[in-house]
C-alpha cells in the first residue's frame, strides 16, 4: 500500500496506523478521487452531518466509487454501539483500504483505540500511543474507548 502522503497530498493529519486503515482530519473534495484511484474502498466519516463543510461529502465519496459510512460521534456522546459498529466495519477485509476521518483526527484515533486492542491484539499502552499518533487528544474520548474495551473484555 502506497504511503498516504503520496496518495493524497495535503490530507491533514493523515496517518496509517495499520495496514489498510488510514486516519485523517477532514479531506478536501479532490482527495476522494485520489483515494479511489489508489484502491480505497470505503470512507468512514465520524463527523455529524450538520458540521460545516464546503462540499457534499456523501456525493463526492460515491462519485469517486467508494462506500460512504457515517458514524456521527462526539467525545460526550460516543457509546457502545458506535465502537461496535466501527469495529465491525474495520473487520471486513472487503472494505479495505479504508479512510476514517473526523475534522482533526481526534475522533478517528478515539474510535480506533478499542479496535487496536481488541482486534489487532495490541497492548493497551501501545494502542494508546498509536491512537495518539492518529490524532487522539481528548481524554473524555480516550476514557470512553477504554471503558468499552473493559466492557467487551468481560463479556
Protein backbone atom coordinates (compact mmCIF):
# COMPACT_ATOMS: atom_id res chain seq x y z
CA UNK A 1 0.00 0.00 0.00
CA UNK A 2 1.40 3.38 -1.02
CA UNK A 3 2.11 5.99 1.62
CA UNK A 4 -0.95 8.17 2.20
CA UNK A 5 1.13 11.33 1.77
CA UNK A 6 1.87 10.23 -1.82
CA UNK A 7 -1.71 9.11 -2.48
CA UNK A 8 -3.48 12.22 -1.17
CA UNK A 9 -1.06 15.13 -0.72
CA UNK A 10 -2.36 17.71 1.71
CA UNK A 11 -4.72 15.36 3.55
CA UNK A 12 -4.48 16.86 7.04
CA UNK A 13 -3.21 14.77 9.94
CA UNK A 14 -3.08 11.66 7.76
CA UNK A 15 -1.67 8.55 9.39
CA UNK A 16 -1.61 4.83 8.56
CA UNK A 17 -1.71 3.08 11.94
CA UNK A 18 -2.17 -0.41 10.47
CA UNK A 19 -2.24 -1.97 7.02
CA UNK A 20 -5.37 -0.98 5.11
CA UNK A 21 -6.51 1.74 7.53
CA UNK A 22 -5.79 5.45 7.23
CA UNK A 23 -6.98 8.12 9.65
CA UNK A 24 -7.14 11.84 9.00
CA UNK A 25 -8.80 15.16 9.55
CA UNK A 26 -11.41 16.44 7.09
CA UNK A 27 -10.44 15.64 3.49
CA UNK A 28 -10.93 18.09 0.63
CA UNK A 29 -13.28 17.03 -2.19
CA UNK A 30 -10.39 16.17 -4.53
CA UNK A 31 -8.89 13.74 -2.02
CA UNK A 32 -11.70 11.22 -2.58
CA UNK A 33 -10.81 10.72 -6.25
CA UNK A 34 -7.15 10.31 -5.29
CA UNK A 35 -8.05 7.75 -2.63
CA UNK A 36 -10.33 5.82 -5.00
CA UNK A 37 -7.58 5.76 -7.65
CA UNK A 38 -5.25 4.26 -5.04
CA UNK A 39 -7.74 1.47 -4.35
CA UNK A 40 -9.54 2.77 -1.26
CA UNK A 41 -12.96 1.21 -0.94
CA UNK A 42 -14.65 2.94 1.98
CA UNK A 43 -14.75 6.25 3.83
CA UNK A 44 -15.93 6.30 7.44
CA UNK A 45 -16.93 9.82 8.42
CA UNK A 46 -17.14 10.39 12.17
CA UNK A 47 -18.47 13.94 11.85
CA UNK A 48 -22.07 14.93 12.41
CA UNK A 49 -23.79 15.66 9.07
CA UNK A 50 -24.50 19.18 10.39
CA UNK A 51 -20.81 20.04 10.81
CA UNK A 52 -19.74 22.65 8.26
CA UNK A 53 -18.11 21.51 5.03
CA UNK A 54 -17.51 23.28 1.76
CA UNK A 55 -18.90 20.42 -0.34
CA UNK A 56 -21.29 17.44 -0.20
CA UNK A 57 -19.06 14.66 1.10
CA UNK A 58 -21.55 11.86 0.54
CA UNK A 59 -21.82 12.75 -3.15
CA UNK A 60 -18.03 13.20 -3.51
CA UNK A 61 -17.32 9.76 -1.99
CA UNK A 62 -20.00 7.95 -4.01
CA UNK A 63 -18.99 9.71 -7.25
CA UNK A 64 -15.42 8.55 -6.62
CA UNK A 65 -16.75 4.98 -6.45
CA UNK A 66 -16.31 4.30 -2.75
CA UNK A 67 -18.69 3.31 0.04
CA UNK A 68 -19.63 6.08 2.48
CA UNK A 69 -20.49 5.34 6.12
CA UNK A 70 -21.31 7.98 8.72
CA UNK A 71 -20.99 7.31 12.45
CA UNK A 72 -21.55 10.75 13.98
CA UNK A 73 -19.80 10.94 17.35
CA UNK A 74 -18.56 13.47 19.86
CA UNK A 75 -16.46 12.72 22.93
CA UNK A 76 -19.54 13.30 25.08
CA UNK A 77 -21.96 11.17 23.05
CA UNK A 78 -19.83 8.25 21.82
CA UNK A 79 -21.17 4.96 23.09
CA UNK A 80 -21.03 1.19 22.95
CA UNK A 81 -22.91 0.93 19.65
CA UNK A 82 -20.58 3.44 17.95
CA UNK A 83 -17.46 1.50 18.92
CA UNK A 84 -19.09 -1.81 17.96
CA UNK A 85 -20.24 -0.54 14.55
CA UNK A 86 -16.78 0.88 13.87
CA UNK A 87 -15.06 -2.40 14.76
CA UNK A 88 -17.46 -4.35 12.55
CA UNK A 89 -16.66 -2.12 9.57
CA UNK A 90 -12.90 -2.47 10.04
CA UNK A 91 -13.10 -6.24 10.48
CA UNK A 92 -14.38 -6.67 6.91
CA UNK A 93 -11.34 -7.04 4.60
CA UNK A 94 -13.53 -6.40 1.54
CA UNK A 95 -13.96 -2.80 2.71
CA UNK A 96 -10.24 -2.05 2.91
CA UNK A 97 -8.33 0.07 2.37
CA UNK A 98 -10.46 2.50 4.35
CA UNK A 99 -10.17 6.15 5.29
CA UNK A 100 -11.50 7.04 8.73
CA UNK A 101 -11.81 10.76 9.37
CA UNK A 102 -13.28 13.46 11.54
CA UNK A 103 -12.41 17.15 11.47
CA UNK A 104 -8.94 16.84 13.05
CA UNK A 105 -8.18 13.15 13.66
CA UNK A 106 -9.14 13.16 17.37
CA UNK A 107 -12.34 11.12 16.98
CA UNK A 108 -10.68 8.86 14.39
CA UNK A 109 -7.95 8.00 16.89
CA UNK A 110 -10.51 7.52 19.66
CA UNK A 111 -12.66 5.05 17.76
CA UNK A 112 -9.56 3.24 16.55
CA UNK A 113 -8.27 2.61 20.10
CA UNK A 114 -10.61 -0.31 21.00
CA UNK A 115 -10.09 -1.90 17.58
CA UNK A 116 -6.33 -1.87 18.07
CA UNK A 117 -6.61 -3.57 21.46
CA UNK A 118 -9.46 -6.00 20.85
CA UNK A 119 -8.98 -6.90 17.18
CA UNK A 120 -5.33 -6.22 16.42
CA UNK A 121 -4.10 -7.58 19.78
CA UNK A 122 -2.04 -4.53 20.71
CA UNK A 123 -1.18 -3.93 24.35
CA UNK A 124 -3.22 -1.02 25.73
CA UNK A 125 -0.14 1.21 26.12
CA UNK A 126 0.94 0.59 22.52
CA UNK A 127 -2.61 1.10 21.24
CA UNK A 128 -2.89 4.39 23.15
CA UNK A 129 0.37 5.59 21.56
CA UNK A 130 -0.84 4.64 18.06
CA UNK A 131 -4.25 6.27 18.68
CA UNK A 132 -2.44 9.39 19.84
CA UNK A 133 -0.36 9.42 16.64
CA UNK A 134 -3.65 9.11 14.72
CA UNK A 135 -4.88 12.28 16.43
CA UNK A 136 -6.49 11.24 19.73
CA UNK A 137 -6.10 14.09 22.20
CA UNK A 138 -9.42 14.19 24.06
CA UNK A 139 -9.22 12.48 27.45
CA UNK A 140 -13.02 12.02 27.68
CA UNK A 141 -12.98 10.14 24.37
CA UNK A 142 -9.97 8.07 25.42
CA UNK A 143 -11.65 7.07 28.67
CA UNK A 144 -14.86 6.14 26.81
CA UNK A 145 -12.80 3.95 24.46
CA UNK A 146 -11.04 2.22 27.37
CA UNK A 147 -14.37 1.67 29.18
CA UNK A 148 -15.69 0.00 26.04
CA UNK A 149 -12.62 -2.27 25.93
CA UNK A 150 -13.20 -3.17 29.57
CA UNK A 151 -16.89 -3.95 28.95
CA UNK A 152 -16.24 -6.06 25.87
CA UNK A 153 -13.32 -7.88 27.51
CA UNK A 154 -15.59 -9.07 30.34
CA UNK A 155 -18.40 -10.26 28.03
